[in-house]
PDB file of all heavy atoms in Angstrom:
ATOM      1  N   TYR A   1      57.732  65.096 115.183  1.00  0.00           N
ATOM      2  CA  TYR A   1      57.145  64.802 113.965  1.00  0.00           C
ATOM      3  C   TYR A   1      57.125  66.017 113.027  1.00  0.00           C
ATOM      4  O   TYR A   1      57.431  65.871 111.837  1.00  0.00           O
ATOM      5  CB  TYR A   1      55.661  64.370 114.226  1.00  0.00           C
ATOM      6  CG  TYR A   1      55.585  63.169 115.119  1.00  0.00           C
ATOM      7  CD1 TYR A   1      55.206  63.331 116.441  1.00  0.00           C
ATOM      8  CD2 TYR A   1      55.742  61.832 114.661  1.00  0.00           C
ATOM      9  CE1 TYR A   1      55.112  62.249 117.319  1.00  0.00           C
ATOM     10  CE2 TYR A   1      55.626  60.764 115.556  1.00  0.00           C
ATOM     11  CZ  TYR A   1      55.389  60.984 116.863  1.00  0.00           C
ATOM     12  OH  TYR A   1      55.253  59.880 117.735  1.00  0.00           O
ATOM     13  N   GLY A   2      56.934  67.138 113.513  1.00  0.00           N
ATOM     14  CA  GLY A   2      56.974  68.373 112.732  1.00  0.00           C
ATOM     15  C   GLY A   2      58.386  68.728 112.224  1.00  0.00           C
ATOM     16  O   GLY A   2      58.459  69.142 111.066  1.00  0.00           O
ATOM     17  N   GLU A   3      59.306  68.485 113.057  1.00  0.00           N
ATOM     18  CA  GLU A   3      60.763  68.726 112.616  1.00  0.00           C
ATOM     19  C   GLU A   3      61.059  67.847 111.350  1.00  0.00           C
ATOM     20  O   GLU A   3      61.677  68.289 110.460  1.00  0.00           O
ATOM     21  CB  GLU A   3      61.732  68.540 113.749  1.00  0.00           C
ATOM     22  CG  GLU A   3      61.842  69.588 114.709  1.00  0.00           C
ATOM     23  CD  GLU A   3      62.483  70.890 114.295  1.00  0.00           C
ATOM     24  OE1 GLU A   3      63.316  70.765 113.345  1.00  0.00           O
ATOM     25  OE2 GLU A   3      62.128  71.985 114.731  1.00  0.00           O
ATOM     26  N   ILE A   4      60.735  66.653 111.506  1.00  0.00           N
ATOM     27  CA  ILE A   4      61.009  65.611 110.454  1.00  0.00           C
ATOM     28  C   ILE A   4      60.196  66.119 109.209  1.00  0.00           C
ATOM     29  O   ILE A   4      60.737  66.110 108.082  1.00  0.00           O
ATOM     30  CB  ILE A   4      60.653  64.287 110.832  1.00  0.00           C
ATOM     31  CG1 ILE A   4      61.645  63.717 111.912  1.00  0.00           C
ATOM     32  CG2 ILE A   4      60.728  63.309 109.574  1.00  0.00           C
ATOM     33  CD1 ILE A   4      61.265  62.473 112.508  1.00  0.00           C
ATOM     34  N   SER A   5      59.000  66.532 109.440  1.00  0.00           N
ATOM     35  CA  SER A   5      58.103  66.876 108.269  1.00  0.00           C
ATOM     36  C   SER A   5      58.678  68.048 107.553  1.00  0.00           C
ATOM     37  O   SER A   5      58.804  68.035 106.310  1.00  0.00           O
ATOM     38  CB  SER A   5      56.694  67.207 108.782  1.00  0.00           C
ATOM     39  OG  SER A   5      55.917  67.680 107.763  1.00  0.00           O
ATOM     40  N   GLN A   6      59.130  69.031 108.257  1.00  0.00           N
ATOM     41  CA  GLN A   6      59.810  70.235 107.625  1.00  0.00           C
ATOM     42  C   GLN A   6      61.179  69.780 106.956  1.00  0.00           C
ATOM     43  O   GLN A   6      61.435  70.257 105.912  1.00  0.00           O
ATOM     44  CB  GLN A   6      60.069  71.229 108.635  1.00  0.00           C
ATOM     45  CG  GLN A   6      58.886  72.054 109.188  1.00  0.00           C
ATOM     46  CD  GLN A   6      59.169  73.100 110.189  1.00  0.00           C
ATOM     47  OE1 GLN A   6      60.239  73.060 110.766  1.00  0.00           O
ATOM     48  NE2 GLN A   6      58.237  74.037 110.352  1.00  0.00           N
ATOM     49  N   ALA A   7      61.917  68.971 107.636  1.00  0.00           N
ATOM     50  CA  ALA A   7      63.207  68.573 107.047  1.00  0.00           C
ATOM     51  C   ALA A   7      63.093  67.913 105.630  1.00  0.00           C
ATOM     52  O   ALA A   7      64.005  68.071 104.853  1.00  0.00           O
ATOM     53  CB  ALA A   7      63.896  67.636 107.983  1.00  0.00           C
ATOM     54  N   ILE A   8      62.017  67.203 105.447  1.00  0.00           N
ATOM     55  CA  ILE A   8      61.929  66.453 104.174  1.00  0.00           C
ATOM     56  C   ILE A   8      60.888  67.104 103.232  1.00  0.00           C
ATOM     57  O   ILE A   8      60.586  66.627 102.150  1.00  0.00           O
ATOM     58  CB  ILE A   8      61.566  64.928 104.368  1.00  0.00           C
ATOM     59  CG1 ILE A   8      60.239  64.803 105.021  1.00  0.00           C
ATOM     60  CG2 ILE A   8      62.610  64.315 105.141  1.00  0.00           C
ATOM     61  CD1 ILE A   8      59.749  63.303 105.101  1.00  0.00           C
ATOM     62  N   GLY A   9      60.414  68.350 103.647  1.00  0.00           N
ATOM     63  CA  GLY A   9      59.519  69.145 102.709  1.00  0.00           C
ATOM     64  C   GLY A   9      58.063  68.706 102.742  1.00  0.00           C
ATOM     65  O   GLY A   9      57.359  68.991 101.709  1.00  0.00           O
ATOM     66  N   LEU A  10      57.563  68.144 103.825  1.00  0.00           N
ATOM     67  CA  LEU A  10      56.164  67.762 103.887  1.00  0.00           C
ATOM     68  C   LEU A  10      55.401  68.791 104.762  1.00  0.00           C
ATOM     69  O   LEU A  10      56.035  69.561 105.485  1.00  0.00           O
ATOM     70  CB  LEU A  10      55.991  66.418 104.570  1.00  0.00           C
ATOM     71  CG  LEU A  10      56.277  65.228 103.678  1.00  0.00           C
ATOM     72  CD1 LEU A  10      56.147  63.948 104.509  1.00  0.00           C
ATOM     73  CD2 LEU A  10      55.552  65.201 102.406  1.00  0.00           C
ATOM     74  N   LYS A  11      54.189  68.799 104.687  1.00  0.00           N
ATOM     75  CA  LYS A  11      53.313  69.678 105.530  1.00  0.00           C
ATOM     76  C   LYS A  11      52.464  68.901 106.537  1.00  0.00           C
ATOM     77  O   LYS A  11      51.680  69.476 107.244  1.00  0.00           O
ATOM     78  CB  LYS A  11      52.385  70.499 104.655  1.00  0.00           C
ATOM     79  CG  LYS A  11      53.175  71.456 103.735  1.00  0.00           C
ATOM     80  CD  LYS A  11      52.287  72.405 103.024  1.00  0.00           C
ATOM     81  CE  LYS A  11      53.117  73.271 102.255  1.00  0.00           C
ATOM     82  NZ  LYS A  11      52.507  74.347 101.434  1.00  0.00           N
ATOM     83  N   SER A  12      52.695  67.625 106.645  1.00  0.00           N
ATOM     84  CA  SER A  12      51.907  66.816 107.514  1.00  0.00           C
ATOM     85  C   SER A  12      52.764  66.029 108.560  1.00  0.00           C
ATOM     86  O   SER A  12      53.379  65.069 108.214  1.00  0.00           O
ATOM     87  CB  SER A  12      51.088  65.810 106.702  1.00  0.00           C
ATOM     88  OG  SER A  12      50.376  64.918 107.539  1.00  0.00           O
ATOM     89  N   SER A  13      52.608  66.515 109.842  1.00  0.00           N
ATOM     90  CA  SER A  13      53.299  65.721 110.897  1.00  0.00           C
ATOM     91  C   SER A  13      52.643  64.380 111.137  1.00  0.00           C
ATOM     92  O   SER A  13      53.261  63.437 111.519  1.00  0.00           O
ATOM     93  CB  SER A  13      53.264  66.535 112.214  1.00  0.00           C
ATOM     94  OG  SER A  13      53.273  67.895 111.997  1.00  0.00           O
ATOM     95  N   ARG A  14      51.322  64.312 110.852  1.00  0.00           N
ATOM     96  CA  ARG A  14      50.589  63.145 111.102  1.00  0.00           C
ATOM     97  C   ARG A  14      51.051  62.011 110.189  1.00  0.00           C
ATOM     98  O   ARG A  14      51.127  60.866 110.529  1.00  0.00           O
ATOM     99  CB  ARG A  14      49.034  63.278 110.925  1.00  0.00           C
ATOM    100  CG  ARG A  14      48.435  64.153 112.001  1.00  0.00           C
ATOM    101  CD  ARG A  14      46.959  64.305 111.811  1.00  0.00           C
ATOM    102  NE  ARG A  14      46.408  65.210 112.816  1.00  0.00           N
ATOM    103  CZ  ARG A  14      45.694  64.770 113.913  1.00  0.00           C
ATOM    104  NH1 ARG A  14      45.658  63.367 114.132  1.00  0.00           N
ATOM    105  NH2 ARG A  14      45.279  65.582 114.757  1.00  0.00           N
ATOM    106  N   LEU A  15      51.409  62.405 108.951  1.00  0.00           N
ATOM    107  CA  LEU A  15      51.921  61.411 108.027  1.00  0.00           C
ATOM    108  C   LEU A  15      53.250  60.873 108.522  1.00  0.00           C
ATOM    109  O   LEU A  15      53.503  59.677 108.308  1.00  0.00           O
ATOM    110  CB  LEU A  15      52.023  61.989 106.653  1.00  0.00           C
ATOM    111  CG  LEU A  15      52.619  61.171 105.505  1.00  0.00           C
ATOM    112  CD1 LEU A  15      51.657  59.905 105.397  1.00  0.00           C
ATOM    113  CD2 LEU A  15      52.723  61.847 104.130  1.00  0.00           C
ATOM    114  N   ILE A  16      54.058  61.684 109.125  1.00  0.00           N
ATOM    115  CA  ILE A  16      55.303  61.188 109.699  1.00  0.00           C
ATOM    116  C   ILE A  16      54.977  60.092 110.742  1.00  0.00           C
ATOM    117  O   ILE A  16      55.624  59.046 110.792  1.00  0.00           O
ATOM    118  CB  ILE A  16      56.149  62.304 110.336  1.00  0.00           C
ATOM    119  CG1 ILE A  16      56.427  63.482 109.331  1.00  0.00           C
ATOM    120  CG2 ILE A  16      57.392  61.843 110.974  1.00  0.00           C
ATOM    121  CD1 ILE A  16      57.234  62.945 108.085  1.00  0.00           C
ATOM    122  N   GLY A  17      54.043  60.384 111.666  1.00  0.00           N
ATOM    123  CA  GLY A  17      53.634  59.443 112.653  1.00  0.00           C
ATOM    124  C   GLY A  17      53.141  58.104 112.007  1.00  0.00           C
ATOM    125  O   GLY A  17      53.474  57.080 112.466  1.00  0.00           O
ATOM    126  N   LYS A  18      52.365  58.228 110.951  1.00  0.00           N
ATOM    127  CA  LYS A  18      51.944  57.006 110.304  1.00  0.00           C
ATOM    128  C   LYS A  18      53.131  56.225 109.712  1.00  0.00           C
ATOM    129  O   LYS A  18      53.121  54.985 109.804  1.00  0.00           O
ATOM    130  CB  LYS A  18      50.970  57.440 109.146  1.00  0.00           C
ATOM    131  CG  LYS A  18      50.473  56.304 108.242  1.00  0.00           C
ATOM    132  CD  LYS A  18      49.690  55.293 108.981  1.00  0.00           C
ATOM    133  CE  LYS A  18      49.194  54.209 108.039  1.00  0.00           C
ATOM    134  NZ  LYS A  18      48.733  53.105 108.724  1.00  0.00           N
ATOM    135  N   ILE A  19      54.005  56.888 109.081  1.00  0.00           N
ATOM    136  CA  ILE A  19      55.171  56.257 108.508  1.00  0.00           C
ATOM    137  C   ILE A  19      56.005  55.576 109.617  1.00  0.00           C
ATOM    138  O   ILE A  19      56.444  54.406 109.438  1.00  0.00           O
ATOM    139  CB  ILE A  19      56.030  57.235 107.680  1.00  0.00           C
ATOM    140  CG1 ILE A  19      55.271  57.562 106.412  1.00  0.00           C
ATOM    141  CG2 ILE A  19      57.399  56.641 107.284  1.00  0.00           C
ATOM    142  CD1 ILE A  19      55.831  58.793 105.582  1.00  0.00           C
ATOM    143  N   LEU A  20      56.238  56.234 110.697  1.00  0.00           N
ATOM    144  CA  LEU A  20      57.006  55.655 111.833  1.00  0.00           C
ATOM    145  C   LEU A  20      56.344  54.446 112.375  1.00  0.00           C
ATOM    146  O   LEU A  20      56.920  53.538 112.887  1.00  0.00           O
ATOM    147  CB  LEU A  20      57.310  56.738 112.867  1.00  0.00           C
ATOM    148  CG  LEU A  20      58.238  57.827 112.394  1.00  0.00           C
ATOM    149  CD1 LEU A  20      58.416  58.864 113.468  1.00  0.00           C
ATOM    150  CD2 LEU A  20      59.629  57.222 111.924  1.00  0.00           C
ATOM    151  N   SER A  21      54.909  54.384 112.335  1.00  0.00           N
ATOM    152  CA  SER A  21      54.247  53.331 112.899  1.00  0.00           C
ATOM    153  C   SER A  21      54.405  52.065 112.058  1.00  0.00           C
ATOM    154  O   SER A  21      54.188  50.988 112.479  1.00  0.00           O
ATOM    155  CB  SER A  21      52.749  53.677 112.942  1.00  0.00           C
ATOM    156  OG  SER A  21      52.128  53.628 111.714  1.00  0.00           O
ATOM    157  N   LEU A  22      54.877  52.221 110.815  1.00  0.00           N
ATOM    158  CA  LEU A  22      55.174  51.088 109.942  1.00  0.00           C
ATOM    159  C   LEU A  22      56.601  50.554 110.053  1.00  0.00           C
ATOM    160  O   LEU A  22      56.852  49.503 109.488  1.00  0.00           O
ATOM    161  CB  LEU A  22      54.971  51.546 108.454  1.00  0.00           C
ATOM    162  CG  LEU A  22      53.578  52.080 108.055  1.00  0.00           C
ATOM    163  CD1 LEU A  22      53.639  52.625 106.666  1.00  0.00           C
ATOM    164  CD2 LEU A  22      52.509  51.017 108.285  1.00  0.00           C
ATOM    165  N   ASN A  23      57.389  51.184 110.869  1.00  0.00           N
ATOM    166  CA  ASN A  23      58.829  50.763 111.050  1.00  0.00           C
ATOM    167  C   ASN A  23      58.836  49.381 111.707  1.00  0.00           C
ATOM    168  O   ASN A  23      58.162  49.187 112.802  1.00  0.00           O
ATOM    169  CB  ASN A  23      59.487  51.759 111.933  1.00  0.00           C
ATOM    170  CG  ASN A  23      60.933  51.301 112.197  1.00  0.00           C
ATOM    171  OD1 ASN A  23      61.588  50.617 111.480  1.00  0.00           O
ATOM    172  ND2 ASN A  23      61.410  51.842 113.424  1.00  0.00           N
ATOM    173  N   THR A  24      59.671  48.490 111.195  1.00  0.00           N
ATOM    174  CA  THR A  24      59.856  47.147 111.842  1.00  0.00           C
ATOM    175  C   THR A  24      61.314  46.962 112.160  1.00  0.00           C
ATOM    176  O   THR A  24      61.674  45.939 112.758  1.00  0.00           O
ATOM    177  CB  THR A  24      59.315  45.981 110.889  1.00  0.00           C
ATOM    178  OG1 THR A  24      59.977  46.084 109.613  1.00  0.00           O
ATOM    179  CG2 THR A  24      57.830  46.124 110.655  1.00  0.00           C
ATOM    180  N   ASP A  25      62.152  47.898 111.736  1.00  0.00           N
ATOM    181  CA  ASP A  25      63.613  47.755 111.941  1.00  0.00           C
ATOM    182  C   ASP A  25      64.016  48.640 113.108  1.00  0.00           C
ATOM    183  O   ASP A  25      64.579  49.683 112.947  1.00  0.00           O
ATOM    184  CB  ASP A  25      64.335  48.212 110.678  1.00  0.00           C
ATOM    185  CG  ASP A  25      65.843  47.885 110.807  1.00  0.00           C
ATOM    186  OD1 ASP A  25      66.283  47.338 111.836  1.00  0.00           O
ATOM    187  OD2 ASP A  25      66.528  48.215 109.781  1.00  0.00           O
ATOM    188  N   PHE A  26      63.630  48.288 114.291  1.00  0.00           N
ATOM    189  CA  PHE A  26      63.806  49.108 115.517  1.00  0.00           C
ATOM    190  C   PHE A  26      65.295  49.350 115.885  1.00  0.00           C
ATOM    191  O   PHE A  26      65.639  50.354 116.452  1.00  0.00           O
ATOM    192  CB  PHE A  26      63.103  48.527 116.686  1.00  0.00           C
ATOM    193  CG  PHE A  26      61.649  48.258 116.384  1.00  0.00           C
ATOM    194  CD1 PHE A  26      61.211  46.893 116.256  1.00  0.00           C
ATOM    195  CD2 PHE A  26      60.726  49.246 116.242  1.00  0.00           C
ATOM    196  CE1 PHE A  26      59.893  46.675 115.984  1.00  0.00           C
ATOM    197  CE2 PHE A  26      59.449  49.060 115.973  1.00  0.00           C
ATOM    198  CZ  PHE A  26      59.010  47.720 115.799  1.00  0.00           C
ATOM    199  N   LYS A  27      66.171  48.397 115.546  1.00  0.00           N
ATOM    200  CA  LYS A  27      67.639  48.620 115.834  1.00  0.00           C
ATOM    201  C   LYS A  27      68.201  49.667 114.923  1.00  0.00           C
ATOM    202  O   LYS A  27      69.013  50.480 115.406  1.00  0.00           O
ATOM    203  CB  LYS A  27      68.336  47.327 115.688  1.00  0.00           C
ATOM    204  CG  LYS A  27      68.031  46.248 116.783  1.00  0.00           C
ATOM    205  CD  LYS A  27      68.862  45.093 116.689  1.00  0.00           C
ATOM    206  CE  LYS A  27      68.407  44.170 117.792  1.00  0.00           C
ATOM    207  NZ  LYS A  27      69.450  43.848 118.712  1.00  0.00           N
ATOM    208  N   SER A  28      67.855  49.698 113.669  1.00  0.00           N
ATOM    209  CA  SER A  28      68.520  50.652 112.732  1.00  0.00           C
ATOM    210  C   SER A  28      67.755  52.049 112.661  1.00  0.00           C
ATOM    211  O   SER A  28      68.338  53.017 112.331  1.00  0.00           O
ATOM    212  CB  SER A  28      68.574  50.036 111.308  1.00  0.00           C
ATOM    213  OG  SER A  28      69.314  48.940 111.292  1.00  0.00           O
ATOM    214  N   ILE A  29      66.478  52.049 112.927  1.00  0.00           N
ATOM    215  CA  ILE A  29      65.647  53.212 112.811  1.00  0.00           C
ATOM    216  C   ILE A  29      65.050  53.497 114.216  1.00  0.00           C
ATOM    217  O   ILE A  29      64.014  52.919 114.585  1.00  0.00           O
ATOM    218  CB  ILE A  29      64.535  53.004 111.783  1.00  0.00           C
ATOM    219  CG1 ILE A  29      65.172  52.594 110.405  1.00  0.00           C
ATOM    220  CG2 ILE A  29      63.668  54.327 111.596  1.00  0.00           C
ATOM    221  CD1 ILE A  29      64.221  51.964 109.496  1.00  0.00           C
ATOM    222  N   PRO A  30      65.728  54.344 114.929  1.00  0.00           N
ATOM    223  CA  PRO A  30      65.332  54.644 116.324  1.00  0.00           C
ATOM    224  C   PRO A  30      64.113  55.611 116.446  1.00  0.00           C
ATOM    225  O   PRO A  30      64.253  56.719 116.952  1.00  0.00           O
ATOM    226  CB  PRO A  30      66.516  55.246 116.915  1.00  0.00           C
ATOM    227  CG  PRO A  30      67.180  55.947 115.848  1.00  0.00           C
ATOM    228  CD  PRO A  30      66.949  55.114 114.622  1.00  0.00           C
ATOM    229  N   CYS A  31      62.908  55.126 116.004  1.00  0.00           N
ATOM    230  CA  CYS A  31      61.800  56.042 115.950  1.00  0.00           C
ATOM    231  C   CYS A  31      61.285  56.394 117.343  1.00  0.00           C
ATOM    232  O   CYS A  31      60.516  57.321 117.529  1.00  0.00           O
ATOM    233  CB  CYS A  31      60.646  55.493 115.133  1.00  0.00           C
ATOM    234  SG  CYS A  31      60.067  53.753 115.605  1.00  0.00           S
ATOM    235  N   TYR A  32      61.804  55.732 118.395  1.00  0.00           N
ATOM    236  CA  TYR A  32      61.411  56.179 119.768  1.00  0.00           C
ATOM    237  C   TYR A  32      61.923  57.584 120.089  1.00  0.00           C
ATOM    238  O   TYR A  32      61.474  58.161 121.020  1.00  0.00           O
ATOM    239  CB  TYR A  32      61.973  55.097 120.784  1.00  0.00           C
ATOM    240  CG  TYR A  32      63.484  55.131 120.957  1.00  0.00           C
ATOM    241  CD1 TYR A  32      64.076  55.950 121.797  1.00  0.00           C
ATOM    242  CD2 TYR A  32      64.231  54.307 120.158  1.00  0.00           C
ATOM    243  CE1 TYR A  32      65.553  55.946 121.921  1.00  0.00           C
ATOM    244  CE2 TYR A  32      65.544  54.291 120.237  1.00  0.00           C
ATOM    245  CZ  TYR A  32      66.297  55.109 121.098  1.00  0.00           C
ATOM    246  OH  TYR A  32      67.621  55.123 121.226  1.00  0.00           O
ATOM    247  N   LYS A  33      62.823  58.091 119.271  1.00  0.00           N
ATOM    248  CA  LYS A  33      63.326  59.488 119.546  1.00  0.00           C
ATOM    249  C   LYS A  33      62.463  60.573 119.055  1.00  0.00           C
ATOM    250  O   LYS A  33      62.816  61.686 119.089  1.00  0.00           O
ATOM    251  CB  LYS A  33      64.735  59.556 118.938  1.00  0.00           C
ATOM    252  CG  LYS A  33      65.798  58.690 119.466  1.00  0.00           C
ATOM    253  CD  LYS A  33      67.172  58.850 118.775  1.00  0.00           C
ATOM    254  CE  LYS A  33      68.232  57.996 119.340  1.00  0.00           C
ATOM    255  NZ  LYS A  33      69.517  58.270 118.770  1.00  0.00           N
ATOM    256  N   VAL A  34      61.316  60.224 118.476  1.00  0.00           N
ATOM    257  CA  VAL A  34      60.407  61.169 117.887  1.00  0.00           C
ATOM    258  C   VAL A  34      59.235  61.387 118.915  1.00  0.00           C
ATOM    259  O   VAL A  34      58.576  60.433 119.296  1.00  0.00           O
ATOM    260  CB  VAL A  34      59.891  60.759 116.560  1.00  0.00           C
ATOM    261  CG1 VAL A  34      59.038  61.876 115.878  1.00  0.00           C
ATOM    262  CG2 VAL A  34      61.042  60.464 115.568  1.00  0.00           C
ATOM    263  N   VAL A  35      59.071  62.673 119.303  1.00  0.00           N
ATOM    264  CA  VAL A  35      58.064  63.043 120.214  1.00  0.00           C
ATOM    265  C   VAL A  35      57.143  64.158 119.669  1.00  0.00           C
ATOM    266  O   VAL A  35      57.445  64.746 118.709  1.00  0.00           O
ATOM    267  CB  VAL A  35      58.641  63.448 121.604  1.00  0.00           C
ATOM    268  CG1 VAL A  35      59.448  62.232 122.178  1.00  0.00           C
ATOM    269  CG2 VAL A  35      59.552  64.641 121.454  1.00  0.00           C
ATOM    270  N   LYS A  36      56.097  64.472 120.445  1.00  0.00           N
ATOM    271  CA  LYS A  36      55.278  65.640 120.032  1.00  0.00           C
ATOM    272  C   LYS A  36      56.003  66.963 120.185  1.00  0.00           C
ATOM    273  O   LYS A  36      57.014  67.025 120.902  1.00  0.00           O
ATOM    274  CB  LYS A  36      54.023  65.632 120.933  1.00  0.00           C
ATOM    275  CG  LYS A  36      53.099  64.512 120.651  1.00  0.00           C
ATOM    276  CD  LYS A  36      51.822  64.674 121.448  1.00  0.00           C
ATOM    277  CE  LYS A  36      50.768  63.680 121.040  1.00  0.00           C
ATOM    278  NZ  LYS A  36      49.511  63.864 121.828  1.00  0.00           N
ATOM    279  N   SER A  37      55.496  67.937 119.537  1.00  0.00           N
ATOM    280  CA  SER A  37      56.188  69.247 119.486  1.00  0.00           C
ATOM    281  C   SER A  37      56.140  69.949 120.924  1.00  0.00           C
ATOM    282  O   SER A  37      56.917  70.888 121.057  1.00  0.00           O
ATOM    283  CB  SER A  37      55.519  70.154 118.555  1.00  0.00           C
ATOM    284  OG  SER A  37      54.151  70.417 118.810  1.00  0.00           O
ATOM    285  N   ASN A  38      55.378  69.486 121.857  1.00  0.00           N
ATOM    286  CA  ASN A  38      55.390  69.989 123.171  1.00  0.00           C
ATOM    287  C   ASN A  38      56.224  69.133 124.090  1.00  0.00           C
ATOM    288  O   ASN A  38      56.260  69.409 125.363  1.00  0.00           O
ATOM    289  CB  ASN A  38      53.957  70.143 123.766  1.00  0.00           C
ATOM    290  CG  ASN A  38      53.258  68.763 123.849  1.00  0.00           C
ATOM    291  OD1 ASN A  38      53.815  67.705 123.568  1.00  0.00           O
ATOM    292  ND2 ASN A  38      52.017  68.856 124.385  1.00  0.00           N
ATOM    293  N   GLY A  39      56.996  68.217 123.557  1.00  0.00           N
ATOM    294  CA  GLY A  39      57.798  67.368 124.380  1.00  0.00           C
ATOM    295  C   GLY A  39      57.115  66.156 124.924  1.00  0.00           C
ATOM    296  O   GLY A  39      57.809  65.343 125.680  1.00  0.00           O
ATOM    297  N   HIS A  40      55.873  65.941 124.670  1.00  0.00           N
ATOM    298  CA  HIS A  40      55.102  64.894 125.245  1.00  0.00           C
ATOM    299  C   HIS A  40      55.426  63.557 124.464  1.00  0.00           C
ATOM    300  O   HIS A  40      55.502  63.535 123.300  1.00  0.00           O
ATOM    301  CB  HIS A  40      53.656  65.147 125.169  1.00  0.00           C
ATOM    302  CG  HIS A  40      52.818  64.343 126.047  1.00  0.00           C
ATOM    303  ND1 HIS A  40      52.464  64.759 127.343  1.00  0.00           N
ATOM    304  CD2 HIS A  40      52.184  63.135 125.877  1.00  0.00           C
ATOM    305  CE1 HIS A  40      51.737  63.807 127.938  1.00  0.00           C
ATOM    306  NE2 HIS A  40      51.505  62.866 126.948  1.00  0.00           N
TER     307      HIS A  40
END
């Protein structure tokens, strides 16, 4: 979440999680590939 946040110029990893939770296009947007910064 933090990597994505930095890549797009945000300071909130939590916001990335919130946005990914809104995803409904699971085939095109593989949000399952996003994990916590400790690999969890």
